[in-house]
Every structure is written in structure tokens, then in C-alpha cells.
Amino acid sequence: MSTAQKTAAGLYEAEEAELYEVGVNTDHTGYTGSGFVDSIDAAGDSLTFYVEAEKADAYSMHLRYANGTGV
């Protein structure tokens, strides 16, 4: 288990998370970071973020995603 690294903009990028049975791709526009997580399409496919916080507390999370299939 490794802790994800924050970007200079303070973001955690999905392609830097722990990935299981998914890939990273760059064949669409609009992503940030070095690419985007692709092929999350079967039971068990996942990604996990491990983050560090200054203290134990409640924090907000904002998630940005897209559905490349259009359905």
C-alpha cells in the first residue's frame, strides 16, 4: 500500500491510485494529470486511494468522472 501523491494543484489523480484490473489511457481529451483510468467495466475492477491528512477529521471529497460509452 502506497500513499497517493498530490499534484501541485492539490489533486489526487486516479491514474496514480492503486489499480486492480483496470488500465490507464490517454485517447480522449479533457483529462488532467498523465491520463485517465480506463476499462472499469467488470465486477471486481477497482482503484483505491490512500491519502494522508494532517489530523483525523471529516473531509470533503470532490470526484470528477466521465462515461466514455455515452450510455
Protein backbone atom coordinates (compact mmCIF):
# COMPACT_ATOMS: atom_id res chain seq x y z
CA MET A 1 0.00 0.00 0.00
CA SER A 2 1.43 3.34 -1.02
CA THR A 3 0.09 6.81 -0.39
CA ALA A 4 -1.04 8.71 -3.48
CA GLN A 5 0.87 11.89 -4.18
CA LYS A 6 -0.98 15.18 -4.50
CA THR A 7 -0.32 17.27 -7.61
CA ALA A 8 0.82 20.89 -7.33
CA ALA A 9 -2.84 21.87 -7.77
CA GLY A 10 -3.77 19.80 -4.69
CA LEU A 11 -5.41 16.97 -6.66
CA TYR A 12 -5.13 13.22 -6.34
CA GLU A 13 -5.13 11.72 -9.84
CA ALA A 14 -6.85 8.37 -10.40
CA GLU A 15 -4.06 7.04 -12.61
CA GLU A 16 -1.73 7.34 -9.60
CA ALA A 17 -4.04 5.32 -7.30
CA GLU A 18 -3.74 1.59 -6.64
CA LEU A 19 -5.33 -0.04 -9.72
CA TYR A 20 -6.82 -3.53 -9.98
CA GLU A 21 -7.79 -4.99 -13.36
CA VAL A 22 -8.09 -1.53 -14.99
CA GLY A 23 -5.82 0.44 -17.28
CA VAL A 24 -4.65 3.99 -17.85
CA ASN A 25 -5.32 5.63 -21.20
CA THR A 26 -4.86 8.98 -22.98
CA ASP A 27 -7.06 8.57 -26.06
CA HIS A 28 -9.72 11.16 -25.05
CA THR A 29 -9.35 14.87 -24.32
CA GLY A 30 -10.23 16.74 -21.14
CA TYR A 31 -8.36 14.70 -18.54
CA THR A 32 -5.94 16.15 -16.03
CA GLY A 33 -2.71 14.50 -14.94
CA SER A 34 -0.90 11.96 -17.10
CA GLY A 35 -4.04 10.14 -18.31
CA PHE A 36 -7.24 8.61 -17.01
CA VAL A 37 -8.34 5.26 -15.61
CA ASP A 38 -9.99 3.19 -18.32
CA SER A 39 -11.89 -0.09 -18.63
CA ILE A 40 -13.73 -0.18 -15.31
CA ASP A 41 -16.30 -2.49 -16.78
CA ALA A 42 -16.36 -5.76 -14.84
CA ALA A 43 -17.14 -6.90 -11.33
CA GLY A 44 -14.02 -6.51 -9.20
CA ASP A 45 -12.41 -3.76 -11.28
CA SER A 46 -11.32 -1.04 -8.87
CA LEU A 47 -8.99 1.73 -7.86
CA THR A 48 -8.08 2.69 -4.30
CA PHE A 49 -6.73 5.98 -2.99
CA TYR A 50 -4.63 6.06 0.18
CA VAL A 51 -4.22 9.65 1.35
CA GLU A 52 -2.61 11.35 4.31
CA ALA A 53 -4.32 14.08 6.31
CA GLU A 54 -2.90 16.44 8.89
CA LYS A 55 -5.30 15.08 11.53
CA ALA A 56 -8.19 12.68 11.94
CA ASP A 57 -11.29 14.64 10.92
CA ALA A 58 -14.15 14.75 8.42
CA TYR A 59 -13.05 15.95 4.97
CA SER A 60 -14.88 16.72 1.74
CA MET A 61 -14.09 14.91 -1.48
CA HIS A 62 -14.91 16.09 -4.99
CA LEU A 63 -14.92 13.47 -7.71
CA ARG A 64 -14.73 14.14 -11.44
CA TYR A 65 -15.54 11.33 -13.85
CA ALA A 66 -16.80 10.68 -17.37
CA ASN A 67 -18.62 7.85 -19.10
CA GLY A 68 -16.84 7.30 -22.39
CA THR A 69 -19.51 4.95 -23.77
CA GLY A 70 -22.26 7.57 -23.80
CA VAL A 71 -24.82 5.33 -22.10
